[in-house]
Amino acid sequence: MSIKRKIARTKGSSYLTKRILISAAKSGVRKAAKDTMEVMGYIVIAEDRWIIRKYSDGRIERIEPIIAPETTEFILD
């Protein structure tokens, strides 16, 4: 079932379910990545703790590692 049909089905209710929202977001990201790849020939994404550039010919270039924060504590002012 398409996302538009799922959303149309929930028009009577005042909210979208989390499942429909996640599905719509994933679908939009996939379409944007595909369109970007067609136009620019590459996309920049985060994968396996690295920022990488994926080219349309399949090459992958590691740009920079993603460094995890040293602490999980939040600083509140």
Protein backbone atom coordinates (compact mmCIF):
# COMPACT_ATOMS: atom_id res chain seq x y z
CA MET A 1 0.00 0.00 0.00
CA SER A 2 1.38 3.41 -0.92
CA ILE A 3 2.10 6.07 1.68
CA LYS A 4 -0.49 8.40 0.12
CA ARG A 5 -3.15 5.73 0.56
CA LYS A 6 -2.09 5.11 4.17
CA ILE A 7 -2.27 8.82 4.92
CA ALA A 8 -5.63 9.15 3.15
CA ARG A 9 -6.93 6.30 5.28
CA THR A 10 -6.02 8.20 8.45
CA LYS A 11 -7.48 11.56 7.32
CA GLY A 12 -10.46 11.00 9.60
CA SER A 13 -8.19 10.84 12.63
CA SER A 14 -6.25 13.80 13.97
CA TYR A 15 -2.83 12.17 13.92
CA LEU A 16 -0.51 10.05 11.84
CA THR A 17 0.75 6.90 13.39
CA LYS A 18 4.45 6.57 14.11
CA ARG A 19 4.65 3.67 11.65
CA ILE A 20 3.21 5.74 8.78
CA LEU A 21 5.46 8.68 9.61
CA ILE A 22 8.60 6.53 9.65
CA SER A 23 7.57 4.87 6.39
CA ALA A 24 7.01 8.25 4.71
CA ALA A 25 10.35 9.59 5.98
CA LYS A 26 12.28 6.54 4.74
CA SER A 27 10.57 6.71 1.37
CA GLY A 28 11.41 10.41 1.04
CA VAL A 29 15.07 9.87 1.97
CA ARG A 30 15.42 7.04 -0.57
CA LYS A 31 13.90 9.21 -3.32
CA ALA A 32 16.09 12.18 -2.42
CA ALA A 33 19.23 10.01 -2.43
CA LYS A 34 18.30 8.53 -5.82
CA ASP A 35 17.61 11.97 -7.31
CA THR A 36 20.85 13.39 -5.89
CA MET A 37 22.85 10.46 -7.26
CA GLU A 38 21.37 11.06 -10.72
CA VAL A 39 22.13 14.79 -10.67
CA MET A 40 25.49 14.93 -8.89
CA GLY A 41 26.86 11.43 -9.39
CA TYR A 42 27.44 10.88 -5.67
CA ILE A 43 25.82 11.16 -2.24
CA VAL A 44 27.33 11.89 1.16
CA ILE A 45 26.05 9.72 4.01
CA ALA A 46 27.00 8.38 7.42
CA GLU A 47 27.81 4.67 7.45
CA ASP A 48 29.73 2.42 9.85
CA ARG A 49 30.96 5.36 11.98
CA TRP A 50 32.28 7.22 8.90
CA ILE A 51 31.08 10.09 6.74
CA ILE A 52 31.44 8.65 3.24
CA ARG A 53 30.87 9.69 -0.35
CA LYS A 54 29.23 7.02 -2.53
CA TYR A 55 29.63 7.44 -6.27
CA SER A 56 27.22 6.21 -8.93
CA ASP A 57 29.88 3.82 -10.28
CA GLY A 58 30.05 2.05 -6.89
CA ARG A 59 33.22 3.65 -5.52
CA ILE A 60 33.24 4.68 -1.87
CA GLU A 61 35.44 7.42 -0.45
CA ARG A 62 35.82 7.78 3.30
CA ILE A 63 35.77 11.45 4.23
CA GLU A 64 36.01 11.56 8.02
CA PRO A 65 35.36 9.25 10.98
CA ILE A 66 32.43 9.96 13.27
CA ILE A 67 33.81 10.41 16.76
CA ALA A 68 31.50 9.34 19.56
CA PRO A 69 31.14 11.75 22.48
CA GLU A 70 33.21 10.90 25.56
CA THR A 71 30.24 11.16 27.87
CA THR A 72 26.51 10.64 27.73
CA GLU A 73 25.82 13.26 30.37
CA PHE A 74 23.93 16.38 29.40
CA ILE A 75 25.08 19.81 30.46
CA LEU A 76 22.19 21.94 31.66
CA ASP A 77 22.58 25.67 32.15
